[in-house]
Amino acid sequence: MRHLKAHRKLGRPAEHRISMLRNLATSLINSRDDRIVTTLPKAKELRPFIEKAITLSRRAASLEGNGSEATGVHLRRQAASFFHAGNHGRATTTRRGQIPPPRSAGVAALSRLFDELGERFRDRPGGYTRIIKMGRRSGDGAELAIIELVDNAREKEAQTSARKRARGSSKKKAADSKVADSEGGEKENGATE
């Protein structure tokens, strides 16, 4: 029986597995296309991991009113546990004349999560990601999958172009029917004379 065995171990100890999920979550949030390619078991494990973080940002985006600043900070700190913390020794490692190291990708992912994605998914009650199977990798035969955020820019462009095509085809059909009606009317008039 598999009682109390909720997640896949992915052949890694707990620390390595959590670190890998944090890296995958950071890559997904920071990616320009809002999608990454990984193996299917990793994608299935990443889905609930990243959706919990997006839910926190969504909850922060819907806050308004008195005392919401403290709650917003609390939600941001909770979501920070889903990403790597950043540069621990940032202030101590810089010497005079040296450029401080750039902020880590986890800090950038956290800011994008709360600034952009929280607003994008504000009215969506869940289901922020989609997994698309790609087939098997040629090297080791591992099953690959794309995990992506829904409602991304590519989808919106496809929807607008589909609407434009539908409008164009309906206009074309309307124009064709008008031409056919006018030709039919002329033939009837010619037949009566």
C-alpha atoms as a PDB file:
ATOM      1  CA  MET A   1       0.000   0.000   0.000  1.00  0.00           C
ATOM      2  CA  ARG A   2       1.136   3.542  -0.704  1.00  0.00           C
ATOM      3  CA  HIS A   3      -0.360   5.297   2.290  1.00  0.00           C
ATOM      4  CA  LEU A   4       1.296   8.627   3.195  1.00  0.00           C
ATOM      5  CA  LYS A   5       3.544   8.540   0.118  1.00  0.00           C
ATOM      6  CA  ALA A   6       2.403  11.666  -1.676  1.00  0.00           C
ATOM      7  CA  HIS A   7       5.257  12.648  -3.990  1.00  0.00           C
ATOM      8  CA  ARG A   8       7.765  11.155  -6.395  1.00  0.00           C
ATOM      9  CA  LYS A   9      11.293  10.862  -5.067  1.00  0.00           C
ATOM     10  CA  LEU A  10      12.860  11.251  -8.531  1.00  0.00           C
ATOM     11  CA  GLY A  11      15.903   9.214  -7.451  1.00  0.00           C
ATOM     12  CA  ARG A  12      17.254  11.988  -5.234  1.00  0.00           C
ATOM     13  CA  PRO A  13      17.548  12.683  -1.516  1.00  0.00           C
ATOM     14  CA  ALA A  14      15.139  15.264  -0.088  1.00  0.00           C
ATOM     15  CA  GLU A  15      17.547  18.223  -0.121  1.00  0.00           C
ATOM     16  CA  HIS A  16      18.562  17.603  -3.718  1.00  0.00           C
ATOM     17  CA  ARG A  17      14.948  17.102  -4.814  1.00  0.00           C
ATOM     18  CA  ILE A  18      13.751  20.352  -3.216  1.00  0.00           C
ATOM     19  CA  SER A  19      16.711  22.250  -4.652  1.00  0.00           C
ATOM     20  CA  MET A  20      15.940  20.837  -8.106  1.00  0.00           C
ATOM     21  CA  LEU A  21      12.274  21.857  -7.828  1.00  0.00           C
ATOM     22  CA  ARG A  22      13.324  25.354  -6.776  1.00  0.00           C
ATOM     23  CA  ASN A  23      15.617  25.586  -9.791  1.00  0.00           C
ATOM     24  CA  LEU A  24      12.854  24.375 -12.133  1.00  0.00           C
ATOM     25  CA  ALA A  25      10.365  26.836 -10.611  1.00  0.00           C
ATOM     26  CA  THR A  26      12.844  29.688 -11.012  1.00  0.00           C
ATOM     27  CA  SER A  27      13.477  28.720 -14.626  1.00  0.00           C
ATOM     28  CA  LEU A  28       9.763  28.541 -15.394  1.00  0.00           C
ATOM     29  CA  ILE A  29       8.966  31.927 -13.846  1.00  0.00           C
ATOM     30  CA  ASN A  30      11.976  33.656 -15.438  1.00  0.00           C
ATOM     31  CA  SER A  31      11.585  32.127 -18.911  1.00  0.00           C
ATOM     32  CA  ARG A  32      10.596  34.524 -21.672  1.00  0.00           C
ATOM     33  CA  ASP A  33       8.204  32.036 -23.270  1.00  0.00           C
ATOM     34  CA  ASP A  34       6.617  31.013 -19.925  1.00  0.00           C
ATOM     35  CA  ARG A  35       7.573  27.392 -20.659  1.00  0.00           C
ATOM     36  CA  ILE A  36      10.382  24.941 -20.013  1.00  0.00           C
ATOM     37  CA  VAL A  37      11.176  21.447 -21.314  1.00  0.00           C
ATOM     38  CA  THR A  38      11.879  18.754 -18.734  1.00  0.00           C
ATOM     39  CA  THR A  39      11.075  15.116 -18.090  1.00  0.00           C
ATOM     40  CA  LEU A  40       7.469  14.151 -17.449  1.00  0.00           C
ATOM     41  CA  PRO A  41       7.886  13.057 -13.794  1.00  0.00           C
ATOM     42  CA  LYS A  42       9.717  16.291 -12.965  1.00  0.00           C
ATOM     43  CA  ALA A  43       6.990  18.328 -14.667  1.00  0.00           C
ATOM     44  CA  LYS A  44       4.295  16.482 -12.721  1.00  0.00           C
ATOM     45  CA  GLU A  45       6.124  17.189  -9.459  1.00  0.00           C
ATOM     46  CA  LEU A  46       6.745  20.825 -10.394  1.00  0.00           C
ATOM     47  CA  ARG A  47       3.079  21.551 -11.095  1.00  0.00           C
ATOM     48  CA  PRO A  48       1.752  21.601  -7.479  1.00  0.00           C
ATOM     49  CA  PHE A  49       5.010  23.170  -6.288  1.00  0.00           C
ATOM     50  CA  ILE A  50       4.719  26.206  -8.582  1.00  0.00           C
ATOM     51  CA  GLU A  51       0.950  26.524  -8.310  1.00  0.00           C
ATOM     52  CA  LYS A  52       1.198  27.037  -4.545  1.00  0.00           C
ATOM     53  CA  ALA A  53       3.608  29.935  -5.116  1.00  0.00           C
ATOM     54  CA  ILE A  54       1.338  31.474  -7.765  1.00  0.00           C
ATOM     55  CA  THR A  55      -1.625  31.173  -5.391  1.00  0.00           C
ATOM     56  CA  LEU A  56       0.315  33.177  -2.793  1.00  0.00           C
ATOM     57  CA  SER A  57       1.050  35.915  -5.336  1.00  0.00           C
ATOM     58  CA  ARG A  58      -2.586  35.896  -6.452  1.00  0.00           C
ATOM     59  CA  ARG A  59      -3.728  36.314  -2.875  1.00  0.00           C
ATOM     60  CA  ALA A  60      -1.308  39.231  -2.437  1.00  0.00           C
ATOM     61  CA  ALA A  61      -2.594  40.868  -5.631  1.00  0.00           C
ATOM     62  CA  SER A  62      -6.162  40.775  -4.347  1.00  0.00           C
ATOM     63  CA  LEU A  63      -5.289  42.501  -1.037  1.00  0.00           C
ATOM     64  CA  GLU A  64      -6.554  46.014  -0.533  1.00  0.00           C
ATOM     65  CA  GLY A  65      -7.275  48.117   2.509  1.00  0.00           C
ATOM     66  CA  ASN A  66      -6.003  48.465   6.047  1.00  0.00           C
ATOM     67  CA  GLY A  67      -3.139  46.278   7.190  1.00  0.00           C
ATOM     68  CA  SER A  68      -2.633  44.741   3.773  1.00  0.00           C
ATOM     69  CA  GLU A  69       1.027  45.812   3.614  1.00  0.00           C
ATOM     70  CA  ALA A  70       2.013  43.459   6.429  1.00  0.00           C
ATOM     71  CA  THR A  71       0.001  40.624   4.908  1.00  0.00           C
ATOM     72  CA  GLY A  72       1.568  41.292   1.513  1.00  0.00           C
ATOM     73  CA  VAL A  73       5.063  41.123   2.989  1.00  0.00           C
ATOM     74  CA  HIS A  74       4.144  37.912   4.788  1.00  0.00           C
ATOM     75  CA  LEU A  75       2.866  36.327   1.563  1.00  0.00           C
ATOM     76  CA  ARG A  76       6.003  37.433  -0.294  1.00  0.00           C
ATOM     77  CA  ARG A  77       8.207  35.840   2.368  1.00  0.00           C
ATOM     78  CA  GLN A  78       6.184  32.639   2.212  1.00  0.00           C
ATOM     79  CA  ALA A  79       6.577  32.535  -1.568  1.00  0.00           C
ATOM     80  CA  ALA A  80      10.320  33.162  -1.225  1.00  0.00           C
ATOM     81  CA  SER A  81      10.636  29.681   0.260  1.00  0.00           C
ATOM     82  CA  PHE A  82       9.770  28.262  -3.182  1.00  0.00           C
ATOM     83  CA  PHE A  83      12.891  29.857  -4.729  1.00  0.00           C
ATOM     84  CA  HIS A  84      16.553  30.069  -3.809  1.00  0.00           C
ATOM     85  CA  ALA A  85      17.144  32.928  -1.391  1.00  0.00           C
ATOM     86  CA  GLY A  86      19.620  35.037  -3.326  1.00  0.00           C
ATOM     87  CA  ASN A  87      23.100  36.207  -2.435  1.00  0.00           C
ATOM     88  CA  HIS A  88      23.652  35.464   1.243  1.00  0.00           C
ATOM     89  CA  GLY A  89      26.985  37.238   1.535  1.00  0.00           C
ATOM     90  CA  ARG A  90      26.191  40.059  -0.853  1.00  0.00           C
ATOM     91  CA  ALA A  91      27.298  42.922   1.398  1.00  0.00           C
ATOM     92  CA  THR A  92      30.276  41.146   2.953  1.00  0.00           C
ATOM     93  CA  THR A  93      31.895  39.910  -0.259  1.00  0.00           C
ATOM     94  CA  THR A  94      32.196  43.305  -1.939  1.00  0.00           C
ATOM     95  CA  ARG A  95      35.358  45.274  -1.426  1.00  0.00           C
ATOM     96  CA  ARG A  96      36.060  48.836  -2.333  1.00  0.00           C
ATOM     97  CA  GLY A  97      36.185  49.268  -6.075  1.00  0.00           C
ATOM     98  CA  GLN A  98      34.534  45.914  -6.808  1.00  0.00           C
ATOM     99  CA  ILE A  99      31.177  45.578  -8.454  1.00  0.00           C
ATOM    100  CA  PRO A 100      28.707  43.698  -6.258  1.00  0.00           C
ATOM    101  CA  PRO A 101      27.444  40.415  -7.700  1.00  0.00           C
ATOM    102  CA  PRO A 102      24.094  40.581  -9.493  1.00  0.00           C
ATOM    103  CA  ARG A 103      20.968  39.487  -7.707  1.00  0.00           C
ATOM    104  CA  SER A 104      20.142  35.839  -8.127  1.00  0.00           C
ATOM    105  CA  ALA A 105      17.507  34.460 -10.437  1.00  0.00           C
ATOM    106  CA  GLY A 106      15.355  33.586  -7.410  1.00  0.00           C
ATOM    107  CA  VAL A 107      15.000  37.240  -6.475  1.00  0.00           C
ATOM    108  CA  ALA A 108      14.072  38.095 -10.069  1.00  0.00           C
ATOM    109  CA  ALA A 109      11.554  35.249 -10.146  1.00  0.00           C
ATOM    110  CA  LEU A 110       9.959  36.421  -6.914  1.00  0.00           C
ATOM    111  CA  SER A 111       9.581  39.977  -8.192  1.00  0.00           C
ATOM    112  CA  ARG A 112       8.072  38.764 -11.502  1.00  0.00           C
ATOM    113  CA  LEU A 113       5.768  36.417  -9.618  1.00  0.00           C
ATOM    114  CA  PHE A 114       4.294  39.205  -7.499  1.00  0.00           C
ATOM    115  CA  ASP A 115       4.436  42.058 -10.012  1.00  0.00           C
ATOM    116  CA  GLU A 116       3.219  40.360 -13.184  1.00  0.00           C
ATOM    117  CA  LEU A 117       1.851  36.859 -12.593  1.00  0.00           C
ATOM    118  CA  GLY A 118      -0.213  37.726  -9.525  1.00  0.00           C
ATOM    119  CA  GLU A 119      -2.110  40.272 -11.599  1.00  0.00           C
ATOM    120  CA  ARG A 120      -2.415  37.966 -14.601  1.00  0.00           C
ATOM    121  CA  PHE A 121      -3.962  35.129 -12.569  1.00  0.00           C
ATOM    122  CA  ARG A 122      -5.960  37.368 -10.224  1.00  0.00           C
ATOM    123  CA  ASP A 123      -9.367  36.071 -11.371  1.00  0.00           C
ATOM    124  CA  ARG A 124      -8.274  32.497 -12.074  1.00  0.00           C
ATOM    125  CA  PRO A 125      -9.148  30.090  -9.235  1.00  0.00           C
ATOM    126  CA  GLY A 126      -6.409  27.563 -10.069  1.00  0.00           C
ATOM    127  CA  GLY A 127      -4.836  25.594 -12.887  1.00  0.00           C
ATOM    128  CA  TYR A 128      -2.051  28.017 -13.740  1.00  0.00           C
ATOM    129  CA  THR A 129       0.124  25.481 -15.570  1.00  0.00           C
ATOM    130  CA  ARG A 130      -0.254  23.051 -18.445  1.00  0.00           C
ATOM    131  CA  ILE A 131       1.807  19.918 -19.174  1.00  0.00           C
ATOM    132  CA  ILE A 132       2.234  18.845 -22.807  1.00  0.00           C
ATOM    133  CA  LYS A 133       3.866  15.482 -23.549  1.00  0.00           C
ATOM    134  CA  MET A 134       6.569  15.552 -26.233  1.00  0.00           C
ATOM    135  CA  GLY A 135       7.602  11.935 -26.665  1.00  0.00           C
ATOM    136  CA  ARG A 136      10.832  10.231 -25.729  1.00  0.00           C
ATOM    137  CA  ARG A 137      14.359  11.643 -25.654  1.00  0.00           C
ATOM    138  CA  SER A 138      16.672   9.932 -28.136  1.00  0.00           C
ATOM    139  CA  GLY A 139      19.613   9.550 -25.753  1.00  0.00           C
ATOM    140  CA  ASP A 140      18.132   7.720 -22.786  1.00  0.00           C
ATOM    141  CA  GLY A 141      14.488   7.251 -23.747  1.00  0.00           C
ATOM    142  CA  ALA A 142      13.181   9.499 -20.971  1.00  0.00           C
ATOM    143  CA  GLU A 143       9.698  10.850 -21.603  1.00  0.00           C
ATOM    144  CA  LEU A 144       9.877  14.607 -22.163  1.00  0.00           C
ATOM    145  CA  ALA A 145       7.214  17.207 -21.455  1.00  0.00           C
ATOM    146  CA  ILE A 146       6.692  20.938 -21.730  1.00  0.00           C
ATOM    147  CA  ILE A 147       5.350  22.661 -18.647  1.00  0.00           C
ATOM    148  CA  GLU A 148       4.025  26.128 -19.338  1.00  0.00           C
ATOM    149  CA  LEU A 149       1.990  28.864 -17.723  1.00  0.00           C
ATOM    150  CA  VAL A 150      -1.481  29.313 -19.193  1.00  0.00           C
ATOM    151  CA  ASP A 151      -2.731  32.638 -20.597  1.00  0.00           C
ATOM    152  CA  ASN A 152       0.715  33.526 -21.935  1.00  0.00           C
ATOM    153  CA  ALA A 153       1.436  36.016 -24.721  1.00  0.00           C
ATOM    154  CA  ARG A 154       1.667  33.309 -27.393  1.00  0.00           C
ATOM    155  CA  GLU A 155      -1.841  32.059 -26.591  1.00  0.00           C
ATOM    156  CA  LYS A 156      -3.286  35.565 -26.631  1.00  0.00           C
ATOM    157  CA  GLU A 157      -1.719  36.257 -30.037  1.00  0.00           C
ATOM    158  CA  ALA A 158      -3.138  32.995 -31.397  1.00  0.00           C
ATOM    159  CA  GLN A 159      -6.602  33.869 -30.084  1.00  0.00           C
ATOM    160  CA  THR A 160      -6.544  37.349 -31.606  1.00  0.00           C
ATOM    161  CA  SER A 161      -5.327  36.024 -34.961  1.00  0.00           C
ATOM    162  CA  ALA A 162      -8.039  33.339 -34.905  1.00  0.00           C
ATOM    163  CA  ARG A 163     -10.652  36.014 -34.211  1.00  0.00           C
ATOM    164  CA  LYS A 164      -9.304  38.139 -37.064  1.00  0.00           C
ATOM    165  CA  ARG A 165      -9.416  35.154 -39.415  1.00  0.00           C
ATOM    166  CA  ALA A 166     -12.969  34.379 -38.328  1.00  0.00           C
ATOM    167  CA  ARG A 167     -14.013  38.007 -38.864  1.00  0.00           C
ATOM    168  CA  GLY A 168     -12.286  38.104 -42.238  1.00  0.00           C
ATOM    169  CA  SER A 169     -13.937  34.914 -43.393  1.00  0.00           C
ATOM    170  CA  SER A 170     -17.354  36.082 -42.183  1.00  0.00           C
ATOM    171  CA  LYS A 171     -16.892  39.400 -43.996  1.00  0.00           C
ATOM    172  CA  LYS A 172     -15.810  37.519 -47.109  1.00  0.00           C
ATOM    173  CA  LYS A 173     -18.859  35.240 -46.884  1.00  0.00           C
ATOM    174  CA  ALA A 174     -21.120  38.264 -46.429  1.00  0.00           C
ATOM    175  CA  ALA A 175     -19.563  39.986 -49.434  1.00  0.00           C
ATOM    176  CA  ASP A 176     -19.913  36.825 -51.546  1.00  0.00           C
ATOM    177  CA  SER A 177     -23.566  36.460 -50.580  1.00  0.00           C
ATOM    178  CA  LYS A 178     -24.213  40.129 -51.493  1.00  0.00           C
ATOM    179  CA  VAL A 179     -22.564  39.604 -54.877  1.00  0.00           C
ATOM    180  CA  ALA A 180     -24.571  36.425 -55.443  1.00  0.00           C
ATOM    181  CA  ASP A 181     -27.809  38.210 -54.491  1.00  0.00           C
ATOM    182  CA  SER A 182     -27.105  41.109 -56.849  1.00  0.00           C
ATOM    183  CA  GLU A 183     -26.208  38.721 -59.731  1.00  0.00           C
ATOM    184  CA  GLY A 184     -29.343  36.684 -59.097  1.00  0.00           C
ATOM    185  CA  GLY A 185     -31.468  39.856 -59.117  1.00  0.00           C
ATOM    186  CA  GLU A 186     -29.958  40.989 -62.429  1.00  0.00           C
ATOM    187  CA  LYS A 187     -30.654  37.620 -64.037  1.00  0.00           C
ATOM    188  CA  GLU A 188     -34.274  37.756 -62.888  1.00  0.00           C
ATOM    189  CA  ASN A 189     -34.658  41.281 -64.257  1.00  0.00           C
ATOM    190  CA  GLY A 190     -33.113  40.209 -67.576  1.00  0.00           C
ATOM    191  CA  ALA A 191     -35.451  37.205 -67.828  1.00  0.00           C
ATOM    192  CA  THR A 192     -38.583  39.349 -67.396  1.00  0.00           C
ATOM    193  CA  GLU A 193     -37.715  41.768 -70.226  1.00  0.00           C
END
